[in-house]
Every structure is written in structure tokens, then in C-alpha cells.
Amino acid sequence: MPSIVGNIKILTVGPSSIVHIGDSLVLNPVSSSKTYAGSGSFNTGDLPVTNNGVNNTNTYDPDGVDGSVGGGVV
């Protein structure tokens, strides 16, 4: 259905966001990220107990690109 849009002001557009004005069939925001965490990093609960010895988180990544996030019309 056609619409009449008045004045708009867009201040910021963040990653994986969509600015949509008018008609559309499919809107598909995508993003990717990588998280490095050592042992016991994502524990949840009221009283977490972690017993970790000597540990190391390897963040060396020689390939540069781990996965592609492609945009486009679906």
C-alpha cells in the first residue's frame, strides 16, 4: 500500500539494523561476531563455583575471515 512520508531525520544506523521507508516484502538484518572466552567465563547461577587450573585462551586467527555474512534480496 503506497504511503506518503513527511520529513524524517536519521541520527544513527548501527550494525545489523535496517532503515525502511515504503513498501517491502522481506527485511532480513544479519550480523556476525566472534567471542573469545576462557574457562569458566560464561557461568550462570546464584553461586557458581569454578575450579580451573592453568588455562589459556588462544586468540590467534591467521585466516582473517571466518565466515561471510552476505546481504541481498531473499
PDB file of N, CA and C in Angstrom:
ATOM      1  N   MET A   1       0.836  -1.162   0.000  1.00  0.00           N
ATOM      2  CA  MET A   1       0.000   0.000   0.000  1.00  0.00           C
ATOM      3  C   MET A   1       0.888   1.234   0.000  1.00  0.00           C
ATOM      4  N   PRO A   2       0.723   2.123  -0.933  1.00  0.00           N
ATOM      5  CA  PRO A   2       1.553   3.330  -1.001  1.00  0.00           C
ATOM      6  C   PRO A   2       1.340   4.219   0.220  1.00  0.00           C
ATOM      7  N   SER A   3       2.383   4.924   0.577  1.00  0.00           N
ATOM      8  CA  SER A   3       2.294   5.824   1.724  1.00  0.00           C
ATOM      9  C   SER A   3       2.967   7.141   1.397  1.00  0.00           C
ATOM     10  N   ILE A   4       2.578   8.161   2.117  1.00  0.00           N
ATOM     11  CA  ILE A   4       3.197   9.479   1.989  1.00  0.00           C
ATOM     12  C   ILE A   4       4.015   9.704   3.246  1.00  0.00           C
ATOM     13  N   VAL A   5       5.316   9.943   3.061  1.00  0.00           N
ATOM     14  CA  VAL A   5       6.218  10.118   4.186  1.00  0.00           C
ATOM     15  C   VAL A   5       6.623  11.571   4.246  1.00  0.00           C
ATOM     16  N   GLY A   6       6.489  12.151   5.425  1.00  0.00           N
ATOM     17  CA  GLY A   6       6.902  13.537   5.622  1.00  0.00           C
ATOM     18  C   GLY A   6       8.394  13.621   5.876  1.00  0.00           C
ATOM     19  N   ASN A   7       8.789  14.632   6.604  1.00  0.00           N
ATOM     20  CA  ASN A   7      10.204  14.818   6.923  1.00  0.00           C
ATOM     21  C   ASN A   7      10.671  13.736   7.892  1.00  0.00           C
ATOM     22  N   ILE A   8      11.872  13.219   7.644  1.00  0.00           N
ATOM     23  CA  ILE A   8      12.480  12.263   8.568  1.00  0.00           C
ATOM     24  C   ILE A   8      13.893  12.722   8.878  1.00  0.00           C
ATOM     25  N   LYS A   9      14.386  12.298  10.020  1.00  0.00           N
ATOM     26  CA  LYS A   9      15.754  12.598  10.413  1.00  0.00           C
ATOM     27  C   LYS A   9      16.346  11.345  11.025  1.00  0.00           C
ATOM     28  N   ILE A  10      17.368  10.787  10.397  1.00  0.00           N
ATOM     29  CA  ILE A  10      18.039   9.587  10.887  1.00  0.00           C
ATOM     30  C   ILE A  10      19.345  10.026  11.528  1.00  0.00           C
ATOM     31  N   LEU A  11      19.468   9.766  12.826  1.00  0.00           N
ATOM     32  CA  LEU A  11      20.670  10.192  13.539  1.00  0.00           C
ATOM     33  C   LEU A  11      21.778   9.159  13.453  1.00  0.00           C
ATOM     34  N   THR A  12      21.467   7.905  13.726  1.00  0.00           N
ATOM     35  CA  THR A  12      22.477   6.862  13.643  1.00  0.00           C
ATOM     36  C   THR A  12      21.850   5.583  13.116  1.00  0.00           C
ATOM     37  N   VAL A  13      22.664   4.803  12.426  1.00  0.00           N
ATOM     38  CA  VAL A  13      22.265   3.479  11.971  1.00  0.00           C
ATOM     39  C   VAL A  13      23.387   2.540  12.386  1.00  0.00           C
ATOM     40  N   GLY A  14      23.071   1.605  13.267  1.00  0.00           N
ATOM     41  CA  GLY A  14      24.078   0.699  13.796  1.00  0.00           C
ATOM     42  C   GLY A  14      24.226  -0.538  12.938  1.00  0.00           C
ATOM     43  N   PRO A  15      25.193  -1.370  13.288  1.00  0.00           N
ATOM     44  CA  PRO A  15      25.364  -2.622  12.556  1.00  0.00           C
ATOM     45  C   PRO A  15      24.151  -3.531  12.737  1.00  0.00           C
ATOM     46  N   SER A  16      23.816  -4.256  11.725  1.00  0.00           N
ATOM     47  CA  SER A  16      22.682  -5.168  11.708  1.00  0.00           C
ATOM     48  C   SER A  16      21.365  -4.451  11.947  1.00  0.00           C
ATOM     49  N   SER A  17      21.241  -3.248  11.419  1.00  0.00           N
ATOM     50  CA  SER A  17      19.994  -2.506  11.543  1.00  0.00           C
ATOM     51  C   SER A  17      19.446  -2.206  10.158  1.00  0.00           C
ATOM     52  N   ILE A  18      18.180  -1.828  10.115  1.00  0.00           N
ATOM     53  CA  ILE A  18      17.507  -1.559   8.850  1.00  0.00           C
ATOM     54  C   ILE A  18      16.815  -0.211   8.935  1.00  0.00           C
ATOM     55  N   VAL A  19      16.984   0.614   7.906  1.00  0.00           N
ATOM     56  CA  VAL A  19      16.199   1.829   7.750  1.00  0.00           C
ATOM     57  C   VAL A  19      15.233   1.553   6.614  1.00  0.00           C
ATOM     58  N   HIS A  20      13.957   1.558   6.929  1.00  0.00           N
ATOM     59  CA  HIS A  20      12.946   1.155   5.953  1.00  0.00           C
ATOM     60  C   HIS A  20      11.924   2.267   5.791  1.00  0.00           C
ATOM     61  N   ILE A  21      11.766   2.728   4.562  1.00  0.00           N
ATOM     62  CA  ILE A  21      10.742   3.715   4.232  1.00  0.00           C
ATOM     63  C   ILE A  21      10.031   3.197   2.995  1.00  0.00           C
ATOM     64  N   GLY A  22       8.749   2.958   3.091  1.00  0.00           N
ATOM     65  CA  GLY A  22       7.996   2.493   1.937  1.00  0.00           C
ATOM     66  C   GLY A  22       7.612   1.034   2.055  1.00  0.00           C
ATOM     67  N   ASP A  23       7.317   0.434   0.903  1.00  0.00           N
ATOM     68  CA  ASP A  23       6.836  -0.942   0.868  1.00  0.00           C
ATOM     69  C   ASP A  23       8.001  -1.922   0.807  1.00  0.00           C
ATOM     70  N   SER A  24       7.791  -3.087   1.396  1.00  0.00           N
ATOM     71  CA  SER A  24       8.812  -4.132   1.362  1.00  0.00           C
ATOM     72  C   SER A  24       8.158  -5.478   1.590  1.00  0.00           C
ATOM     73  N   LEU A  25       8.751  -6.502   1.006  1.00  0.00           N
ATOM     74  CA  LEU A  25       8.249  -7.850   1.203  1.00  0.00           C
ATOM     75  C   LEU A  25       9.021  -8.561   2.318  1.00  0.00           C
ATOM     76  N   VAL A  26      10.354  -8.477   2.295  1.00  0.00           N
ATOM     77  CA  VAL A  26      11.183  -9.175   3.281  1.00  0.00           C
ATOM     78  C   VAL A  26      12.283  -8.232   3.745  1.00  0.00           C
ATOM     79  N   LEU A  27      12.451  -8.112   5.057  1.00  0.00           N
ATOM     80  CA  LEU A  27      13.570  -7.388   5.644  1.00  0.00           C
ATOM     81  C   LEU A  27      14.376  -8.399   6.449  1.00  0.00           C
ATOM     82  N   ASN A  28      15.683  -8.483   6.188  1.00  0.00           N
ATOM     83  CA  ASN A  28      16.492  -9.531   6.782  1.00  0.00           C
ATOM     84  C   ASN A  28      17.818  -8.971   7.302  1.00  0.00           C
ATOM     85  N   PRO A  29      17.851  -8.448   8.541  1.00  0.00           N
ATOM     86  CA  PRO A  29      19.132  -7.962   9.076  1.00  0.00           C
ATOM     87  C   PRO A  29      20.025  -9.133   9.479  1.00  0.00           C
ATOM     88  N   VAL A  30      21.304  -9.020   9.228  1.00  0.00           N
ATOM     89  CA  VAL A  30      22.259 -10.066   9.587  1.00  0.00           C
ATOM     90  C   VAL A  30      23.485  -9.437  10.233  1.00  0.00           C
ATOM     91  N   SER A  31      24.146 -10.194  11.071  1.00  0.00           N
ATOM     92  CA  SER A  31      25.405  -9.755  11.658  1.00  0.00           C
ATOM     93  C   SER A  31      26.199 -10.986  12.082  1.00  0.00           C
ATOM     94  N   SER A  32      27.468 -10.802  12.323  1.00  0.00           N
ATOM     95  CA  SER A  32      28.289 -11.881  12.844  1.00  0.00           C
ATOM     96  C   SER A  32      29.282 -11.288  13.831  1.00  0.00           C
ATOM     97  N   SER A  33      29.717 -12.109  14.760  1.00  0.00           N
ATOM     98  CA  SER A  33      30.696 -11.668  15.742  1.00  0.00           C
ATOM     99  C   SER A  33      31.485 -12.869  16.243  1.00  0.00           C
ATOM    100  N   LYS A  34      32.590 -12.583  16.863  1.00  0.00           N
ATOM    101  CA  LYS A  34      33.434 -13.636  17.430  1.00  0.00           C
ATOM    102  C   LYS A  34      33.709 -13.275  18.883  1.00  0.00           C
ATOM    103  N   THR A  35      33.598 -14.258  19.748  1.00  0.00           N
ATOM    104  CA  THR A  35      33.819 -14.034  21.173  1.00  0.00           C
ATOM    105  C   THR A  35      34.896 -14.982  21.669  1.00  0.00           C
ATOM    106  N   TYR A  36      35.884 -14.419  22.332  1.00  0.00           N
ATOM    107  CA  TYR A  36      36.920 -15.217  22.970  1.00  0.00           C
ATOM    108  C   TYR A  36      36.635 -15.258  24.465  1.00  0.00           C
ATOM    109  N   ALA A  37      36.656 -16.423  25.046  1.00  0.00           N
ATOM    110  CA  ALA A  37      36.425 -16.535  26.475  1.00  0.00           C
ATOM    111  C   ALA A  37      37.208 -17.717  27.025  1.00  0.00           C
ATOM    112  N   GLY A  38      37.741 -17.536  28.196  1.00  0.00           N
ATOM    113  CA  GLY A  38      38.485 -18.605  28.837  1.00  0.00           C
ATOM    114  C   GLY A  38      37.571 -19.526  29.613  1.00  0.00           C
ATOM    115  N   SER A  39      38.160 -20.476  30.289  1.00  0.00           N
ATOM    116  CA  SER A  39      37.367 -21.452  31.031  1.00  0.00           C
ATOM    117  C   SER A  39      36.656 -20.767  32.193  1.00  0.00           C
ATOM    118  N   GLY A  40      35.392 -21.094  32.369  1.00  0.00           N
ATOM    119  CA  GLY A  40      34.592 -20.524  33.444  1.00  0.00           C
ATOM    120  C   GLY A  40      34.076 -19.135  33.177  1.00  0.00           C
ATOM    121  N   SER A  41      34.122 -18.662  31.936  1.00  0.00           N
ATOM    122  CA  SER A  41      33.728 -17.287  31.645  1.00  0.00           C
ATOM    123  C   SER A  41      32.222 -17.074  31.629  1.00  0.00           C
ATOM    124  N   PHE A  42      31.464 -18.016  31.128  1.00  0.00           N
ATOM    125  CA  PHE A  42      30.034 -17.815  30.961  1.00  0.00           C
ATOM    126  C   PHE A  42      29.218 -18.610  31.971  1.00  0.00           C
ATOM    127  N   ASN A  43      29.704 -18.729  33.183  1.00  0.00           N
ATOM    128  CA  ASN A  43      28.963 -19.431  34.217  1.00  0.00           C
ATOM    129  C   ASN A  43      27.790 -18.587  34.679  1.00  0.00           C
ATOM    130  N   THR A  44      26.645 -19.219  34.890  1.00  0.00           N
ATOM    131  CA  THR A  44      25.476 -18.511  35.390  1.00  0.00           C
ATOM    132  C   THR A  44      24.950 -19.225  36.629  1.00  0.00           C
ATOM    133  N   GLY A  45      24.134 -18.545  37.370  1.00  0.00           N
ATOM    134  CA  GLY A  45      23.552 -19.137  38.567  1.00  0.00           C
ATOM    135  C   GLY A  45      23.794 -18.249  39.771  1.00  0.00           C
ATOM    136  N   ASP A  46      23.268 -18.674  40.905  1.00  0.00           N
ATOM    137  CA  ASP A  46      23.397 -17.873  42.118  1.00  0.00           C
ATOM    138  C   ASP A  46      24.782 -17.983  42.744  1.00  0.00           C
ATOM    139  N   LEU A  47      25.326 -19.186  42.830  1.00  0.00           N
ATOM    140  CA  LEU A  47      26.628 -19.388  43.463  1.00  0.00           C
ATOM    141  C   LEU A  47      27.518 -20.261  42.575  1.00  0.00           C
ATOM    142  N   PRO A  48      28.040 -19.704  41.491  1.00  0.00           N
ATOM    143  CA  PRO A  48      28.884 -20.536  40.628  1.00  0.00           C
ATOM    144  C   PRO A  48      30.227 -20.822  41.286  1.00  0.00           C
ATOM    145  N   VAL A  49      30.681 -22.042  41.138  1.00  0.00           N
ATOM    146  CA  VAL A  49      31.985 -22.449  41.648  1.00  0.00           C
ATOM    147  C   VAL A  49      32.770 -23.002  40.471  1.00  0.00           C
ATOM    148  N   THR A  50      33.913 -22.401  40.189  1.00  0.00           N
ATOM    149  CA  THR A  50      34.763 -22.886  39.104  1.00  0.00           C
ATOM    150  C   THR A  50      36.134 -23.220  39.672  1.00  0.00           C
ATOM    151  N   ASN A  51      36.606 -24.385  39.352  1.00  0.00           N
ATOM    152  CA  ASN A  51      37.939 -24.820  39.772  1.00  0.00           C
ATOM    153  C   ASN A  51      38.775 -25.012  38.514  1.00  0.00           C
ATOM    154  N   ASN A  52      39.529 -23.981  38.168  1.00  0.00           N
ATOM    155  CA  ASN A  52      40.324 -24.007  36.952  1.00  0.00           C
ATOM    156  C   ASN A  52      41.799 -24.017  37.310  1.00  0.00           C
ATOM    157  N   GLY A  53      42.511 -24.879  36.635  1.00  0.00           N
ATOM    158  CA  GLY A  53      43.955 -24.877  36.789  1.00  0.00           C
ATOM    159  C   GLY A  53      44.557 -23.816  35.871  1.00  0.00           C
ATOM    160  N   VAL A  54      45.738 -24.029  35.431  1.00  0.00           N
ATOM    161  CA  VAL A  54      46.372 -23.121  34.484  1.00  0.00           C
ATOM    162  C   VAL A  54      45.661 -23.266  33.146  1.00  0.00           C
ATOM    163  N   ASN A  55      45.162 -22.152  32.614  1.00  0.00           N
ATOM    164  CA  ASN A  55      44.463 -22.203  31.331  1.00  0.00           C
ATOM    165  C   ASN A  55      44.886 -21.034  30.464  1.00  0.00           C
ATOM    166  N   ASN A  56      44.603 -21.146  29.194  1.00  0.00           N
ATOM    167  CA  ASN A  56      44.999 -20.136  28.228  1.00  0.00           C
ATOM    168  C   ASN A  56      43.945 -20.089  27.129  1.00  0.00           C
ATOM    169  N   THR A  57      43.572 -18.888  26.704  1.00  0.00           N
ATOM    170  CA  THR A  57      42.641 -18.726  25.599  1.00  0.00           C
ATOM    171  C   THR A  57      43.426 -18.285  24.373  1.00  0.00           C
ATOM    172  N   ASN A  58      43.422 -19.115  23.338  1.00  0.00           N
ATOM    173  CA  ASN A  58      44.173 -18.823  22.125  1.00  0.00           C
ATOM    174  C   ASN A  58      43.332 -17.931  21.217  1.00  0.00           C
ATOM    175  N   THR A  59      43.808 -16.713  20.958  1.00  0.00           N
ATOM    176  CA  THR A  59      43.087 -15.780  20.082  1.00  0.00           C
ATOM    177  C   THR A  59      43.797 -15.578  18.755  1.00  0.00           C
ATOM    178  N   TYR A  60      44.783 -16.385  18.448  1.00  0.00           N
ATOM    179  CA  TYR A  60      45.488 -16.262  17.168  1.00  0.00           C
ATOM    180  C   TYR A  60      44.587 -16.777  16.055  1.00  0.00           C
ATOM    181  N   ASP A  61      44.357 -15.960  15.039  1.00  0.00           N
ATOM    182  CA  ASP A  61      43.468 -16.308  13.935  1.00  0.00           C
ATOM    183  C   ASP A  61      44.121 -15.888  12.624  1.00  0.00           C
ATOM    184  N   PRO A  62      44.874 -16.770  11.983  1.00  0.00           N
ATOM    185  CA  PRO A  62      45.635 -16.373  10.805  1.00  0.00           C
ATOM    186  C   PRO A  62      44.810 -16.184   9.540  1.00  0.00           C
ATOM    187  N   ASP A  63      43.601 -16.750   9.454  1.00  0.00           N
ATOM    188  CA  ASP A  63      42.884 -16.681   8.195  1.00  0.00           C
ATOM    189  C   ASP A  63      42.209 -15.335   7.943  1.00  0.00           C
ATOM    190  N   GLY A  64      41.902 -14.543   8.956  1.00  0.00           N
ATOM    191  CA  GLY A  64      41.341 -13.223   8.758  1.00  0.00           C
ATOM    192  C   GLY A  64      39.833 -13.203   8.587  1.00  0.00           C
ATOM    193  N   VAL A  65      39.259 -14.144   7.856  1.00  0.00           N
ATOM    194  CA  VAL A  65      37.820 -14.197   7.641  1.00  0.00           C
ATOM    195  C   VAL A  65      37.329 -15.572   8.065  1.00  0.00           C
ATOM    196  N   ASP A  66      36.387 -15.604   9.002  1.00  0.00           N
ATOM    197  CA  ASP A  66      35.886 -16.884   9.499  1.00  0.00           C
ATOM    198  C   ASP A  66      34.605 -17.301   8.797  1.00  0.00           C
ATOM    199  N   GLY A  67      33.785 -16.375   8.446  1.00  0.00           N
ATOM    200  CA  GLY A  67      32.529 -16.686   7.766  1.00  0.00           C
ATOM    201  C   GLY A  67      32.022 -15.442   7.100  1.00  0.00           C
ATOM    202  N   SER A  68      31.272 -15.617   6.051  1.00  0.00           N
ATOM    203  CA  SER A  68      30.762 -14.447   5.350  1.00  0.00           C
ATOM    204  C   SER A  68      29.308 -14.232   5.710  1.00  0.00           C
ATOM    205  N   VAL A  69      28.960 -12.988   5.863  1.00  0.00           N
ATOM    206  CA  VAL A  69      27.568 -12.590   6.067  1.00  0.00           C
ATOM    207  C   VAL A  69      27.205 -11.784   4.841  1.00  0.00           C
ATOM    208  N   GLY A  70      26.426 -12.377   3.974  1.00  0.00           N
ATOM    209  CA  GLY A  70      26.076 -11.703   2.731  1.00  0.00           C
ATOM    210  C   GLY A  70      24.715 -11.060   2.817  1.00  0.00           C
ATOM    211  N   GLY A  71      24.614  -9.895   2.249  1.00  0.00           N
ATOM    212  CA  GLY A  71      23.341  -9.217   2.175  1.00  0.00           C
ATOM    213  C   GLY A  71      22.691  -9.479   0.829  1.00  0.00           C
ATOM    214  N   GLY A  72      21.532  -8.946   0.671  1.00  0.00           N
ATOM    215  CA  GLY A  72      20.864  -9.104  -0.609  1.00  0.00           C
ATOM    216  C   GLY A  72      19.402  -9.434  -0.446  1.00  0.00           C
ATOM    217  N   VAL A  73      18.763  -9.562  -1.550  1.00  0.00           N
ATOM    218  CA  VAL A  73      17.335  -9.834  -1.545  1.00  0.00           C
ATOM    219  C   VAL A  73      17.117 -11.330  -1.460  1.00  0.00           C
ATOM    220  N   VAL A  74      16.258 -11.745  -0.559  1.00  0.00           N
ATOM    221  CA  VAL A  74      15.955 -13.156  -0.382  1.00  0.00           C
ATOM    222  C   VAL A  74      14.697 -13.494  -1.141  1.00  0.00           C
TER     223      VAL A  74
END
